[in-house]
């Protein structure tokens, strides 16, 4: 089964790494949305473009949301390679997110 997660349903301006940065932080997105979806579904598609116009993702958000799947939630990289699809019209955002998954400790 497949699950589509639209980040715009979480927040139009997702920001920060931890709850100290606000309730629409990466840690909440990862723990409340991504982890349950990855645990329940065979494929999880994450749509990243449904945010405010001209919004730019901070590296701390992407690192915590996606790298945190490996670093904190202990997902195996090969499992994420098979189950997770990051969908955005910005190739640099997609590449950065996958870099954090493949080498989360490199980007502390």
N, C-alpha and C. Protein backbone atom coordinates (compact mmCIF):
# COMPACT_ATOMS: atom_id res chain seq x y z
N UNK A 1 0.84 -1.19 0.00
CA UNK A 1 0.00 0.00 0.00
C UNK A 1 0.88 1.24 0.00
N UNK A 2 0.33 2.29 -0.59
CA UNK A 2 1.06 3.54 -0.72
C UNK A 2 0.37 4.65 0.05
N UNK A 3 1.18 5.51 0.66
CA UNK A 3 0.69 6.67 1.39
C UNK A 3 1.35 7.91 0.80
N UNK A 4 0.55 8.92 0.51
CA UNK A 4 1.08 10.20 0.08
C UNK A 4 0.97 11.18 1.23
N UNK A 5 2.10 11.80 1.55
CA UNK A 5 2.18 12.79 2.61
C UNK A 5 2.48 14.14 1.95
N UNK A 6 1.57 15.07 2.11
CA UNK A 6 1.77 16.42 1.57
C UNK A 6 2.19 17.32 2.73
N UNK A 7 3.40 17.86 2.66
CA UNK A 7 3.89 18.67 3.77
C UNK A 7 3.01 19.88 4.03
N UNK A 8 2.30 20.35 3.00
CA UNK A 8 1.38 21.47 3.17
C UNK A 8 0.24 21.17 4.12
N UNK A 9 -0.07 19.89 4.32
CA UNK A 9 -1.09 19.51 5.30
C UNK A 9 -0.53 19.63 6.73
N UNK A 10 0.77 19.58 6.86
CA UNK A 10 1.45 19.76 8.15
C UNK A 10 1.64 21.24 8.43
N UNK A 11 2.22 21.95 7.44
CA UNK A 11 2.44 23.39 7.56
C UNK A 11 2.81 23.96 6.20
N UNK A 12 2.37 25.18 5.95
CA UNK A 12 2.77 25.89 4.73
C UNK A 12 4.13 26.54 4.90
N UNK A 13 4.60 26.63 6.16
CA UNK A 13 5.91 27.20 6.45
C UNK A 13 6.59 26.32 7.52
N UNK A 14 6.98 25.08 7.15
CA UNK A 14 7.65 24.23 8.12
C UNK A 14 9.00 24.85 8.47
N UNK A 15 9.35 24.83 9.75
CA UNK A 15 10.54 25.55 10.16
C UNK A 15 11.18 24.94 11.40
N UNK A 16 12.50 24.92 11.39
CA UNK A 16 13.25 24.56 12.58
C UNK A 16 13.51 23.08 12.72
N UNK A 17 14.31 22.77 13.69
CA UNK A 17 14.74 21.41 13.93
C UNK A 17 13.91 20.72 15.01
N UNK A 18 13.72 21.37 16.15
CA UNK A 18 13.09 20.75 17.31
C UNK A 18 11.88 21.57 17.78
N UNK A 19 11.07 21.02 18.67
CA UNK A 19 9.90 21.75 19.17
C UNK A 19 10.23 23.10 19.80
N UNK A 20 11.44 23.29 20.27
CA UNK A 20 11.82 24.60 20.79
C UNK A 20 11.75 25.67 19.70
N UNK A 21 11.86 25.24 18.44
CA UNK A 21 11.79 26.16 17.30
C UNK A 21 10.34 26.44 16.88
N UNK A 22 9.40 25.67 17.38
CA UNK A 22 7.99 25.84 17.03
C UNK A 22 7.35 24.50 16.72
N UNK A 23 6.03 24.50 16.71
CA UNK A 23 5.32 23.22 16.56
C UNK A 23 5.39 22.65 15.15
N UNK A 24 5.77 23.45 14.17
CA UNK A 24 5.88 22.96 12.79
C UNK A 24 7.33 22.65 12.43
N UNK A 25 8.05 22.10 13.38
CA UNK A 25 9.46 21.77 13.21
C UNK A 25 9.63 20.39 12.58
N UNK A 26 10.84 20.12 12.16
CA UNK A 26 11.17 18.86 11.49
C UNK A 26 10.98 17.65 12.38
N UNK A 27 11.33 17.78 13.66
CA UNK A 27 11.19 16.65 14.57
C UNK A 27 9.73 16.23 14.67
N UNK A 28 8.82 17.18 14.79
CA UNK A 28 7.40 16.84 14.84
C UNK A 28 6.92 16.24 13.53
N UNK A 29 7.37 16.78 12.42
CA UNK A 29 7.00 16.22 11.11
C UNK A 29 7.48 14.78 11.01
N UNK A 30 8.73 14.54 11.40
CA UNK A 30 9.28 13.19 11.32
C UNK A 30 8.54 12.23 12.25
N UNK A 31 8.39 12.61 13.52
CA UNK A 31 7.82 11.70 14.51
C UNK A 31 6.31 11.49 14.34
N UNK A 32 5.59 12.54 14.00
CA UNK A 32 4.13 12.46 13.94
C UNK A 32 3.59 12.06 12.57
N UNK A 33 4.37 12.29 11.51
CA UNK A 33 3.87 12.03 10.16
C UNK A 33 4.70 10.96 9.45
N UNK A 34 6.00 11.20 9.31
CA UNK A 34 6.83 10.29 8.51
C UNK A 34 6.98 8.91 9.13
N UNK A 35 7.35 8.84 10.39
CA UNK A 35 7.59 7.54 11.02
C UNK A 35 6.33 6.67 11.01
N UNK A 36 5.17 7.18 11.44
CA UNK A 36 3.98 6.32 11.37
C UNK A 36 3.66 5.86 9.95
N UNK A 37 3.83 6.74 8.97
CA UNK A 37 3.56 6.36 7.57
C UNK A 37 4.54 5.28 7.11
N UNK A 38 5.81 5.44 7.41
CA UNK A 38 6.80 4.45 7.00
C UNK A 38 6.60 3.11 7.71
N UNK A 39 6.12 3.14 8.93
CA UNK A 39 5.86 1.89 9.65
C UNK A 39 4.62 1.17 9.13
N UNK A 40 3.68 1.91 8.59
CA UNK A 40 2.41 1.31 8.17
C UNK A 40 2.33 0.96 6.69
N UNK A 41 3.02 1.71 5.84
CA UNK A 41 2.86 1.55 4.40
C UNK A 41 4.12 1.02 3.73
N UNK A 42 3.91 0.37 2.58
CA UNK A 42 5.02 -0.17 1.80
C UNK A 42 5.78 0.92 1.06
N UNK A 43 5.07 1.98 0.68
CA UNK A 43 5.67 3.09 -0.03
C UNK A 43 5.10 4.39 0.53
N UNK A 44 6.00 5.35 0.77
CA UNK A 44 5.58 6.66 1.27
C UNK A 44 6.15 7.72 0.33
N UNK A 45 5.24 8.48 -0.23
CA UNK A 45 5.59 9.58 -1.13
C UNK A 45 5.41 10.88 -0.37
N UNK A 46 6.47 11.68 -0.28
CA UNK A 46 6.42 12.94 0.45
C UNK A 46 6.46 14.09 -0.56
N UNK A 47 5.38 14.86 -0.60
CA UNK A 47 5.29 16.00 -1.51
C UNK A 47 5.76 17.25 -0.77
N UNK A 48 6.79 17.90 -1.29
CA UNK A 48 7.40 19.03 -0.59
C UNK A 48 7.05 20.40 -1.18
N UNK A 49 6.33 20.45 -2.27
CA UNK A 49 6.13 21.74 -2.95
C UNK A 49 4.93 22.55 -2.47
N UNK A 50 4.04 21.98 -1.70
CA UNK A 50 2.82 22.68 -1.29
C UNK A 50 3.06 23.54 -0.05
N UNK A 51 3.94 24.52 -0.21
CA UNK A 51 4.29 25.46 0.87
C UNK A 51 4.04 26.88 0.35
N UNK A 52 4.25 27.86 1.22
CA UNK A 52 4.07 29.27 0.82
C UNK A 52 4.96 29.60 -0.38
N UNK A 53 4.46 30.48 -1.23
CA UNK A 53 5.24 30.93 -2.37
C UNK A 53 6.57 31.50 -1.90
N UNK A 54 7.63 31.18 -2.60
CA UNK A 54 8.99 31.66 -2.31
C UNK A 54 9.56 31.12 -1.00
N UNK A 55 8.91 30.12 -0.40
CA UNK A 55 9.45 29.51 0.81
C UNK A 55 10.68 28.69 0.45
N UNK A 56 11.71 28.75 1.27
CA UNK A 56 12.91 27.94 1.09
C UNK A 56 13.14 27.10 2.34
N UNK A 57 13.31 25.80 2.14
CA UNK A 57 13.58 24.91 3.26
C UNK A 57 14.95 25.19 3.86
N UNK A 58 15.01 25.23 5.16
CA UNK A 58 16.29 25.34 5.83
C UNK A 58 16.95 23.97 5.89
N UNK A 59 18.27 23.96 5.85
CA UNK A 59 18.98 22.68 5.91
C UNK A 59 18.71 21.96 7.23
N UNK A 60 18.51 22.71 8.32
CA UNK A 60 18.25 22.07 9.60
C UNK A 60 16.93 21.30 9.57
N UNK A 61 15.93 21.85 8.87
CA UNK A 61 14.65 21.14 8.75
C UNK A 61 14.83 19.84 7.97
N UNK A 62 15.48 19.93 6.81
CA UNK A 62 15.65 18.74 5.97
C UNK A 62 16.52 17.69 6.66
N UNK A 63 17.57 18.13 7.33
CA UNK A 63 18.44 17.18 8.02
C UNK A 63 17.69 16.45 9.13
N UNK A 64 16.96 17.19 9.92
CA UNK A 64 16.23 16.58 11.04
C UNK A 64 15.10 15.69 10.55
N UNK A 65 14.37 16.15 9.55
CA UNK A 65 13.23 15.37 9.05
C UNK A 65 13.68 14.09 8.37
N UNK A 66 14.65 14.18 7.47
CA UNK A 66 15.03 13.02 6.66
C UNK A 66 16.25 12.30 7.21
N UNK A 67 17.30 13.01 7.54
CA UNK A 67 18.46 12.36 8.15
C UNK A 67 18.11 11.76 9.50
N UNK A 68 17.17 12.39 10.19
CA UNK A 68 16.71 11.88 11.49
C UNK A 68 16.05 10.53 11.41
N UNK A 69 15.54 10.17 10.23
CA UNK A 69 14.96 8.83 10.07
C UNK A 69 16.01 7.75 10.31
N UNK A 70 17.23 8.03 9.89
CA UNK A 70 18.34 7.09 10.08
C UNK A 70 19.00 7.33 11.43
N UNK A 71 19.29 8.58 11.71
CA UNK A 71 20.07 8.95 12.89
C UNK A 71 19.31 8.70 14.20
N UNK A 72 18.05 9.05 14.24
CA UNK A 72 17.29 8.96 15.49
C UNK A 72 16.26 7.83 15.52
N UNK A 73 15.67 7.54 14.37
CA UNK A 73 14.60 6.53 14.32
C UNK A 73 15.13 5.16 13.94
N UNK A 74 16.39 5.11 13.54
CA UNK A 74 17.11 3.85 13.23
C UNK A 74 16.55 3.10 12.03
N UNK A 75 15.97 3.82 11.06
CA UNK A 75 15.60 3.20 9.80
C UNK A 75 16.87 2.85 9.04
N UNK A 76 16.87 1.74 8.35
CA UNK A 76 18.00 1.35 7.51
C UNK A 76 17.90 2.13 6.19
N UNK A 77 19.05 2.57 5.71
CA UNK A 77 19.10 3.36 4.47
C UNK A 77 18.50 2.58 3.31
N UNK A 78 18.83 1.29 3.19
CA UNK A 78 18.31 0.51 2.07
C UNK A 78 16.79 0.37 2.13
N UNK A 79 16.23 0.37 3.32
CA UNK A 79 14.77 0.33 3.47
C UNK A 79 14.17 1.65 2.97
N UNK A 80 14.77 2.76 3.36
CA UNK A 80 14.28 4.06 2.91
C UNK A 80 14.44 4.22 1.40
N UNK A 81 15.53 3.71 0.85
CA UNK A 81 15.73 3.76 -0.60
C UNK A 81 14.58 3.08 -1.34
N UNK A 82 14.03 2.03 -0.75
CA UNK A 82 12.94 1.28 -1.37
C UNK A 82 11.57 1.88 -1.08
N UNK A 83 11.37 2.38 0.14
CA UNK A 83 10.03 2.79 0.58
C UNK A 83 9.71 4.26 0.38
N UNK A 84 10.72 5.11 0.41
CA UNK A 84 10.49 6.55 0.47
C UNK A 84 10.70 7.21 -0.89
N UNK A 85 9.76 8.07 -1.26
CA UNK A 85 9.90 8.90 -2.46
C UNK A 85 9.74 10.34 -2.02
N UNK A 86 10.74 11.15 -2.33
CA UNK A 86 10.70 12.58 -2.04
C UNK A 86 10.39 13.28 -3.34
N UNK A 87 9.25 13.97 -3.38
CA UNK A 87 8.78 14.58 -4.61
C UNK A 87 8.77 16.10 -4.47
N UNK A 88 9.55 16.74 -5.35
CA UNK A 88 9.62 18.19 -5.38
C UNK A 88 10.10 18.61 -6.77
N UNK A 89 9.72 19.79 -7.17
CA UNK A 89 10.19 20.30 -8.46
C UNK A 89 11.59 20.88 -8.34
N UNK A 90 12.14 20.90 -7.13
CA UNK A 90 13.48 21.43 -6.88
C UNK A 90 14.45 20.29 -6.65
N UNK A 91 15.23 19.99 -7.66
CA UNK A 91 16.16 18.86 -7.58
C UNK A 91 17.18 19.03 -6.46
N UNK A 92 17.58 20.28 -6.16
CA UNK A 92 18.55 20.49 -5.09
C UNK A 92 17.99 20.11 -3.73
N UNK A 93 16.70 20.37 -3.51
CA UNK A 93 16.03 19.98 -2.25
C UNK A 93 15.97 18.46 -2.14
N UNK A 94 15.62 17.82 -3.23
CA UNK A 94 15.56 16.35 -3.23
C UNK A 94 16.94 15.76 -2.96
N UNK A 95 17.95 16.27 -3.66
CA UNK A 95 19.31 15.75 -3.49
C UNK A 95 19.82 15.99 -2.07
N UNK A 96 19.56 17.16 -1.53
CA UNK A 96 19.99 17.47 -0.17
C UNK A 96 19.32 16.53 0.84
N UNK A 97 18.03 16.30 0.66
CA UNK A 97 17.30 15.40 1.57
C UNK A 97 17.88 13.99 1.53
N UNK A 98 18.18 13.49 0.33
CA UNK A 98 18.76 12.16 0.21
C UNK A 98 20.19 12.11 0.74
N UNK A 99 20.94 13.21 0.60
CA UNK A 99 22.28 13.26 1.20
C UNK A 99 22.19 13.07 2.70
N UNK A 100 21.21 13.71 3.33
CA UNK A 100 21.03 13.58 4.78
C UNK A 100 20.64 12.17 5.18
N UNK A 101 19.89 11.49 4.34
CA UNK A 101 19.52 10.10 4.62
C UNK A 101 20.75 9.20 4.50
N UNK A 102 21.52 9.39 3.45
CA UNK A 102 22.65 8.51 3.19
C UNK A 102 23.86 8.77 4.08
N UNK A 103 23.98 9.96 4.62
CA UNK A 103 25.12 10.29 5.49
C UNK A 103 24.72 11.31 6.55
N UNK A 104 23.78 10.96 7.43
CA UNK A 104 23.28 11.94 8.40
C UNK A 104 24.34 12.46 9.37
N UNK A 105 25.31 11.62 9.71
CA UNK A 105 26.34 12.03 10.68
C UNK A 105 27.34 13.03 10.08
N UNK A 106 27.41 13.05 8.77
CA UNK A 106 28.33 13.96 8.08
C UNK A 106 27.90 15.41 8.24
N UNK A 107 26.63 15.63 8.49
CA UNK A 107 26.05 16.98 8.51
C UNK A 107 25.58 17.37 9.89
N UNK A 108 26.43 17.37 10.85
CA UNK A 108 26.03 17.73 12.22
C UNK A 108 25.95 19.21 12.40
